[in-house]
């Protein structure tokens, strides 16, 4: 092969390498987005489960509750879902989210959120009580 033939292929090789690099970069970005989507989907599903269990509604109604609360509190759905999942473990729920959730549940479900003071009083009353036998 002559040097002029090699010189003619070099720009094509560089263009091909640049195109490959661009495709690799795009695929890496897509992988990151898909990983984020899977993670978001999982936490949203967990939050829907909390709403379903709390309000005794269908998963579809639980989804609508989350969307409404997200819109009324101007909170991204994933962040709201993380907040509800955290609340499920700690009992701590920001007042604005609590109010919006209660309103949405009033429209979609038959229950109300348990008052943290009521559940604390109930559990302190149970500590000394004997189980019926």
N, C-alpha and C. Protein backbone atom coordinates (compact mmCIF):
# COMPACT_ATOMS: atom_id res chain seq x y z
N UNK A 1 0.85 -1.16 0.00
CA UNK A 1 0.00 0.00 0.00
C UNK A 1 0.90 1.23 0.00
N UNK A 2 0.55 2.18 -0.77
CA UNK A 2 1.37 3.39 -0.88
C UNK A 2 1.01 4.35 0.24
N UNK A 3 1.89 5.29 0.47
CA UNK A 3 1.63 6.27 1.52
C UNK A 3 0.45 7.15 1.16
N UNK A 4 0.22 7.37 -0.14
CA UNK A 4 -0.93 8.19 -0.53
C UNK A 4 -2.24 7.45 -0.26
N UNK A 5 -2.26 6.12 -0.36
CA UNK A 5 -3.46 5.35 -0.07
C UNK A 5 -3.76 5.39 1.43
N UNK A 6 -2.71 5.28 2.25
CA UNK A 6 -2.90 5.37 3.70
C UNK A 6 -3.37 6.75 4.10
N UNK A 7 -2.82 7.74 3.49
CA UNK A 7 -3.21 9.11 3.81
C UNK A 7 -4.68 9.35 3.47
N UNK A 8 -5.18 8.70 2.42
CA UNK A 8 -6.58 8.85 2.05
C UNK A 8 -7.52 8.19 3.03
N UNK A 9 -7.07 7.18 3.75
CA UNK A 9 -7.93 6.47 4.69
C UNK A 9 -7.94 7.12 6.06
N UNK A 10 -6.93 7.85 6.41
CA UNK A 10 -6.84 8.42 7.74
C UNK A 10 -8.02 9.31 8.11
N UNK A 11 -8.46 10.22 7.26
CA UNK A 11 -9.63 11.03 7.65
C UNK A 11 -10.87 10.16 7.88
N UNK A 12 -11.05 9.12 7.07
CA UNK A 12 -12.20 8.23 7.27
C UNK A 12 -12.07 7.49 8.60
N UNK A 13 -10.85 7.04 8.92
CA UNK A 13 -10.64 6.35 10.19
C UNK A 13 -10.94 7.28 11.36
N UNK A 14 -10.49 8.53 11.25
CA UNK A 14 -10.75 9.50 12.32
C UNK A 14 -12.24 9.79 12.44
N UNK A 15 -12.92 9.90 11.31
CA UNK A 15 -14.36 10.15 11.34
C UNK A 15 -15.09 8.96 11.95
N UNK A 16 -14.64 7.76 11.59
CA UNK A 16 -15.25 6.54 12.16
C UNK A 16 -15.03 6.46 13.66
N UNK A 17 -13.81 6.78 14.10
CA UNK A 17 -13.50 6.75 15.52
C UNK A 17 -14.32 7.80 16.27
N UNK A 18 -14.47 8.97 15.69
CA UNK A 18 -15.26 10.03 16.32
C UNK A 18 -16.73 9.62 16.41
N UNK A 19 -17.23 8.99 15.36
CA UNK A 19 -18.62 8.53 15.37
C UNK A 19 -18.81 7.43 16.42
N UNK A 20 -17.83 6.52 16.52
CA UNK A 20 -17.90 5.46 17.53
C UNK A 20 -17.89 6.06 18.93
N UNK A 21 -17.02 7.03 19.15
CA UNK A 21 -16.94 7.68 20.47
C UNK A 21 -18.26 8.37 20.81
N UNK A 22 -18.87 9.01 19.83
CA UNK A 22 -20.15 9.68 20.07
C UNK A 22 -21.24 8.66 20.41
N UNK A 23 -21.25 7.52 19.71
CA UNK A 23 -22.23 6.47 20.01
C UNK A 23 -22.00 5.89 21.40
N UNK A 24 -20.76 5.68 21.76
CA UNK A 24 -20.44 5.14 23.09
C UNK A 24 -20.90 6.11 24.17
N UNK A 25 -20.62 7.39 23.98
CA UNK A 25 -21.04 8.41 24.95
C UNK A 25 -22.56 8.43 25.08
N UNK A 26 -23.27 8.38 23.95
CA UNK A 26 -24.74 8.38 23.97
C UNK A 26 -25.27 7.15 24.69
N UNK A 27 -24.65 6.00 24.47
CA UNK A 27 -25.09 4.77 25.13
C UNK A 27 -24.83 4.83 26.63
N UNK A 28 -23.69 5.40 27.03
CA UNK A 28 -23.39 5.53 28.45
C UNK A 28 -24.41 6.45 29.13
N UNK A 29 -24.79 7.53 28.46
CA UNK A 29 -25.80 8.43 29.01
C UNK A 29 -27.14 7.71 29.14
N UNK A 30 -27.50 6.94 28.12
CA UNK A 30 -28.77 6.21 28.16
C UNK A 30 -28.77 5.19 29.29
N UNK A 31 -27.66 4.52 29.51
CA UNK A 31 -27.56 3.56 30.61
C UNK A 31 -27.76 4.26 31.94
N UNK A 32 -27.14 5.41 32.13
CA UNK A 32 -27.32 6.18 33.37
C UNK A 32 -28.78 6.57 33.55
N UNK A 33 -29.43 7.02 32.49
CA UNK A 33 -30.84 7.41 32.57
C UNK A 33 -31.72 6.21 32.90
N UNK A 34 -31.43 5.07 32.31
CA UNK A 34 -32.22 3.87 32.59
C UNK A 34 -32.04 3.41 34.04
N UNK A 35 -30.81 3.48 34.55
CA UNK A 35 -30.57 3.13 35.95
C UNK A 35 -31.36 4.05 36.87
N UNK A 36 -31.36 5.34 36.57
CA UNK A 36 -32.11 6.31 37.36
C UNK A 36 -33.61 6.03 37.28
N UNK A 37 -34.09 5.68 36.11
CA UNK A 37 -35.52 5.39 35.93
C UNK A 37 -35.92 4.16 36.74
N UNK A 38 -35.09 3.14 36.75
CA UNK A 38 -35.40 1.93 37.52
C UNK A 38 -35.45 2.26 39.00
N UNK A 39 -34.50 3.04 39.47
CA UNK A 39 -34.47 3.44 40.87
C UNK A 39 -35.69 4.27 41.23
N UNK A 40 -36.04 5.24 40.39
CA UNK A 40 -37.21 6.08 40.63
C UNK A 40 -38.47 5.24 40.64
N UNK A 41 -38.58 4.32 39.71
CA UNK A 41 -39.77 3.48 39.61
C UNK A 41 -39.95 2.67 40.89
N UNK A 42 -38.86 2.15 41.43
CA UNK A 42 -38.94 1.33 42.64
C UNK A 42 -39.45 2.14 43.82
N UNK A 43 -38.93 3.34 44.03
CA UNK A 43 -39.35 4.14 45.18
C UNK A 43 -40.78 4.64 44.99
N UNK A 44 -41.17 4.94 43.77
CA UNK A 44 -42.56 5.36 43.51
C UNK A 44 -43.49 4.18 43.78
N UNK A 45 -43.12 2.99 43.36
CA UNK A 45 -43.94 1.81 43.64
C UNK A 45 -44.08 1.58 45.15
N UNK A 46 -43.01 1.78 45.89
CA UNK A 46 -43.07 1.63 47.35
C UNK A 46 -44.03 2.65 47.95
N UNK A 47 -43.96 3.89 47.48
CA UNK A 47 -44.86 4.93 47.98
C UNK A 47 -46.31 4.63 47.63
N UNK A 48 -46.55 4.12 46.43
CA UNK A 48 -47.91 3.72 46.06
C UNK A 48 -48.39 2.64 47.03
N UNK A 49 -47.53 1.70 47.36
CA UNK A 49 -47.89 0.65 48.31
C UNK A 49 -48.26 1.21 49.67
N UNK A 50 -47.55 2.23 50.11
CA UNK A 50 -47.87 2.87 51.39
C UNK A 50 -49.26 3.49 51.32
N UNK A 51 -49.55 4.21 50.24
CA UNK A 51 -50.86 4.85 50.08
C UNK A 51 -51.95 3.79 49.99
N UNK A 52 -51.71 2.72 49.25
CA UNK A 52 -52.69 1.64 49.11
C UNK A 52 -53.00 1.03 50.48
N UNK A 53 -51.96 0.75 51.25
CA UNK A 53 -52.15 0.16 52.57
C UNK A 53 -52.82 1.11 53.54
N UNK A 54 -52.48 2.37 53.47
CA UNK A 54 -53.03 3.37 54.37
C UNK A 54 -54.49 3.66 54.06
N UNK A 55 -54.79 3.86 52.80
CA UNK A 55 -56.12 4.34 52.41
C UNK A 55 -57.05 3.23 51.93
N UNK A 56 -56.51 2.03 51.78
CA UNK A 56 -57.30 0.92 51.26
C UNK A 56 -57.91 1.27 49.91
N UNK A 57 -57.05 1.73 49.00
CA UNK A 57 -57.46 2.08 47.64
C UNK A 57 -56.72 1.19 46.66
N UNK A 58 -57.10 1.26 45.40
CA UNK A 58 -56.41 0.49 44.36
C UNK A 58 -55.06 1.13 44.07
N UNK A 59 -54.14 0.38 43.47
CA UNK A 59 -52.87 0.99 43.07
C UNK A 59 -53.05 2.18 42.13
N UNK A 60 -54.05 2.12 41.26
CA UNK A 60 -54.31 3.25 40.35
C UNK A 60 -54.70 4.49 41.13
N UNK A 61 -55.56 4.31 42.14
CA UNK A 61 -55.94 5.45 42.98
C UNK A 61 -54.74 5.93 43.80
N UNK A 62 -53.90 5.00 44.25
CA UNK A 62 -52.69 5.39 44.97
C UNK A 62 -51.78 6.24 44.10
N UNK A 63 -51.67 5.88 42.82
CA UNK A 63 -50.88 6.67 41.87
C UNK A 63 -51.47 8.07 41.74
N UNK A 64 -52.80 8.16 41.60
CA UNK A 64 -53.45 9.47 41.46
C UNK A 64 -53.22 10.33 42.70
N UNK A 65 -53.26 9.71 43.88
CA UNK A 65 -53.00 10.44 45.12
C UNK A 65 -51.59 11.01 45.09
N UNK A 66 -50.60 10.20 44.71
CA UNK A 66 -49.22 10.69 44.65
C UNK A 66 -49.09 11.85 43.68
N UNK A 67 -49.71 11.73 42.51
CA UNK A 67 -49.62 12.80 41.51
C UNK A 67 -50.25 14.07 42.05
N UNK A 68 -51.42 13.97 42.68
CA UNK A 68 -52.08 15.15 43.24
C UNK A 68 -51.22 15.82 44.30
N UNK A 69 -50.70 15.02 45.22
CA UNK A 69 -49.87 15.58 46.30
C UNK A 69 -48.63 16.23 45.72
N UNK A 70 -48.03 15.59 44.74
CA UNK A 70 -46.86 16.15 44.07
C UNK A 70 -47.17 17.51 43.46
N UNK A 71 -48.31 17.61 42.79
CA UNK A 71 -48.69 18.87 42.15
C UNK A 71 -49.03 19.93 43.19
N UNK A 72 -49.78 19.56 44.23
CA UNK A 72 -50.21 20.54 45.22
C UNK A 72 -49.07 21.03 46.11
N UNK A 73 -48.04 20.24 46.26
CA UNK A 73 -46.89 20.65 47.08
C UNK A 73 -45.73 21.14 46.24
N UNK A 74 -45.91 21.11 44.91
CA UNK A 74 -44.85 21.51 43.99
C UNK A 74 -43.56 20.73 44.28
N UNK A 75 -43.73 19.42 44.45
CA UNK A 75 -42.62 18.52 44.76
C UNK A 75 -42.50 17.49 43.65
N UNK A 76 -41.30 17.25 43.19
CA UNK A 76 -41.09 16.21 42.18
C UNK A 76 -41.61 14.88 42.73
N UNK A 77 -42.22 14.10 41.85
CA UNK A 77 -42.85 12.86 42.27
C UNK A 77 -41.87 11.92 42.97
N UNK A 78 -40.66 11.81 42.44
CA UNK A 78 -39.69 10.91 43.07
C UNK A 78 -39.34 11.39 44.48
N UNK A 79 -39.15 12.69 44.66
CA UNK A 79 -38.82 13.22 45.99
C UNK A 79 -39.99 12.99 46.95
N UNK A 80 -41.21 13.20 46.48
CA UNK A 80 -42.38 12.92 47.31
C UNK A 80 -42.41 11.45 47.70
N UNK A 81 -42.16 10.57 46.75
CA UNK A 81 -42.15 9.13 47.03
C UNK A 81 -41.09 8.80 48.08
N UNK A 82 -39.90 9.38 47.96
CA UNK A 82 -38.85 9.15 48.95
C UNK A 82 -39.29 9.64 50.33
N UNK A 83 -39.98 10.78 50.37
CA UNK A 83 -40.48 11.34 51.63
C UNK A 83 -41.49 10.39 52.27
N UNK A 84 -42.40 9.85 51.46
CA UNK A 84 -43.41 8.93 52.00
C UNK A 84 -42.78 7.63 52.49
N UNK A 85 -41.80 7.12 51.76
CA UNK A 85 -41.12 5.89 52.19
C UNK A 85 -40.38 6.15 53.50
N UNK A 86 -39.74 7.30 53.61
CA UNK A 86 -39.05 7.67 54.85
C UNK A 86 -40.06 7.78 55.99
N UNK A 87 -41.20 8.40 55.71
CA UNK A 87 -42.27 8.54 56.71
C UNK A 87 -42.74 7.17 57.19
N UNK A 88 -42.83 6.22 56.27
CA UNK A 88 -43.25 4.87 56.66
C UNK A 88 -42.34 4.26 57.71
N UNK A 89 -41.07 4.63 57.70
CA UNK A 89 -40.13 4.08 58.66
C UNK A 89 -39.93 4.92 59.91
N UNK A 90 -40.19 6.24 59.80
CA UNK A 90 -39.89 7.13 60.92
C UNK A 90 -41.12 7.78 61.54
N UNK A 91 -42.20 7.86 60.79
CA UNK A 91 -43.38 8.58 61.28
C UNK A 91 -43.28 10.08 61.08
N UNK A 92 -42.20 10.55 60.47
CA UNK A 92 -41.98 11.98 60.26
C UNK A 92 -42.44 12.35 58.85
N UNK A 93 -43.38 13.29 58.78
CA UNK A 93 -43.91 13.75 57.50
C UNK A 93 -44.05 15.26 57.55
N UNK A 94 -43.45 16.00 56.61
CA UNK A 94 -43.56 17.46 56.62
C UNK A 94 -45.03 17.89 56.64
N UNK A 95 -45.36 18.93 57.41
CA UNK A 95 -46.76 19.36 57.55
C UNK A 95 -47.46 19.65 56.22
N UNK A 96 -46.79 20.30 55.28
CA UNK A 96 -47.41 20.60 53.99
C UNK A 96 -47.75 19.35 53.21
N UNK A 97 -46.86 18.37 53.27
CA UNK A 97 -47.11 17.09 52.59
C UNK A 97 -48.24 16.36 53.30
N UNK A 98 -48.23 16.38 54.63
CA UNK A 98 -49.29 15.72 55.40
C UNK A 98 -50.66 16.31 55.03
N UNK A 99 -50.76 17.63 54.98
CA UNK A 99 -52.04 18.27 54.67
C UNK A 99 -52.50 17.91 53.26
N UNK A 100 -51.58 17.97 52.29
CA UNK A 100 -51.94 17.64 50.91
C UNK A 100 -52.32 16.17 50.78
N UNK A 101 -51.62 15.31 51.52
CA UNK A 101 -51.93 13.88 51.48
C UNK A 101 -53.30 13.61 52.09
N UNK A 102 -53.59 14.26 53.22
CA UNK A 102 -54.91 14.10 53.83
C UNK A 102 -56.01 14.55 52.88
N UNK A 103 -55.81 15.69 52.23
CA UNK A 103 -56.81 16.19 51.27
C UNK A 103 -57.02 15.20 50.12
N UNK A 104 -55.92 14.70 49.57
CA UNK A 104 -56.02 13.76 48.45
C UNK A 104 -56.69 12.46 48.90
N UNK A 105 -56.36 12.00 50.10
CA UNK A 105 -56.97 10.77 50.60
C UNK A 105 -58.46 10.97 50.88
N UNK A 106 -58.84 12.18 51.30
CA UNK A 106 -60.27 12.47 51.49
C UNK A 106 -61.03 12.30 50.17
N UNK A 107 -60.37 12.64 49.07
CA UNK A 107 -61.02 12.51 47.76
C UNK A 107 -60.98 11.08 47.24
N UNK A 108 -59.98 10.31 47.61
CA UNK A 108 -59.78 8.99 47.01
C UNK A 108 -59.97 7.82 47.95
N UNK A 109 -59.90 8.06 49.24
CA UNK A 109 -59.93 6.92 50.15
C UNK A 109 -60.74 7.20 51.40
N UNK A 110 -61.12 6.15 52.10
CA UNK A 110 -62.00 6.29 53.25
C UNK A 110 -61.29 6.61 54.57
N UNK A 111 -59.97 6.62 54.59
CA UNK A 111 -59.27 6.76 55.87
C UNK A 111 -58.62 8.12 56.01
N UNK A 112 -58.12 8.38 57.20
CA UNK A 112 -57.32 9.57 57.44
C UNK A 112 -55.96 9.13 57.97
N UNK A 113 -54.99 10.03 57.90
CA UNK A 113 -53.66 9.69 58.41
C UNK A 113 -53.71 9.57 59.92
N UNK A 114 -53.01 8.60 60.47
CA UNK A 114 -52.98 8.51 61.93
C UNK A 114 -52.24 9.70 62.51
N UNK A 115 -52.78 10.24 63.59
CA UNK A 115 -52.13 11.34 64.30
C UNK A 115 -50.96 10.74 65.08
N UNK A 116 -49.75 11.28 64.93
CA UNK A 116 -48.60 10.71 65.64
C UNK A 116 -48.81 10.68 67.15
N UNK A 117 -49.54 11.67 67.69
CA UNK A 117 -49.79 11.70 69.14
C UNK A 117 -50.70 10.55 69.54
N UNK A 118 -51.69 10.23 68.68
CA UNK A 118 -52.60 9.12 68.99
C UNK A 118 -51.85 7.79 68.99
N UNK A 119 -51.00 7.58 67.99
CA UNK A 119 -50.28 6.31 67.92
C UNK A 119 -49.28 6.19 69.06
N UNK A 120 -48.69 7.30 69.51
CA UNK A 120 -47.76 7.25 70.64
C UNK A 120 -48.52 6.91 71.92
N UNK A 121 -49.69 7.50 72.10
CA UNK A 121 -50.50 7.22 73.28
C UNK A 121 -50.99 5.78 73.27
N UNK A 122 -51.39 5.31 72.10
CA UNK A 122 -51.89 3.93 72.00
C UNK A 122 -50.78 2.93 72.30
N UNK A 123 -49.58 3.17 71.79
CA UNK A 123 -48.51 2.21 72.03
C UNK A 123 -48.03 2.27 73.47
N UNK A 124 -48.08 3.44 74.13
CA UNK A 124 -47.66 3.49 75.53
C UNK A 124 -48.70 2.81 76.42
N UNK A 125 -49.96 2.82 76.02
CA UNK A 125 -50.99 2.13 76.77
C UNK A 125 -50.92 0.63 76.62
N UNK A 126 -50.37 0.15 75.54
CA UNK A 126 -50.28 -1.28 75.28
C UNK A 126 -49.09 -1.93 75.97
N UNK A 127 -48.09 -1.14 76.34
CA UNK A 127 -46.86 -1.72 76.86
C UNK A 127 -47.10 -2.55 78.12
N UNK A 128 -47.97 -2.06 79.03
CA UNK A 128 -48.19 -2.78 80.28
C UNK A 128 -49.36 -3.74 80.20
N UNK A 129 -50.12 -3.71 79.14
CA UNK A 129 -51.31 -4.56 79.03
C UNK A 129 -50.92 -5.99 78.70
N UNK A 130 -51.69 -6.91 79.28
CA UNK A 130 -51.45 -8.32 78.98
C UNK A 130 -52.25 -8.71 77.75
N UNK A 131 -51.71 -9.65 77.00
CA UNK A 131 -52.41 -10.19 75.84
C UNK A 131 -53.56 -11.05 76.34
N UNK A 132 -54.74 -10.96 75.69
CA UNK A 132 -55.83 -11.86 76.08
C UNK A 132 -55.44 -13.31 75.81
N UNK A 133 -55.79 -14.17 76.70
CA UNK A 133 -55.28 -15.50 76.52
C UNK A 133 -56.27 -16.54 76.48
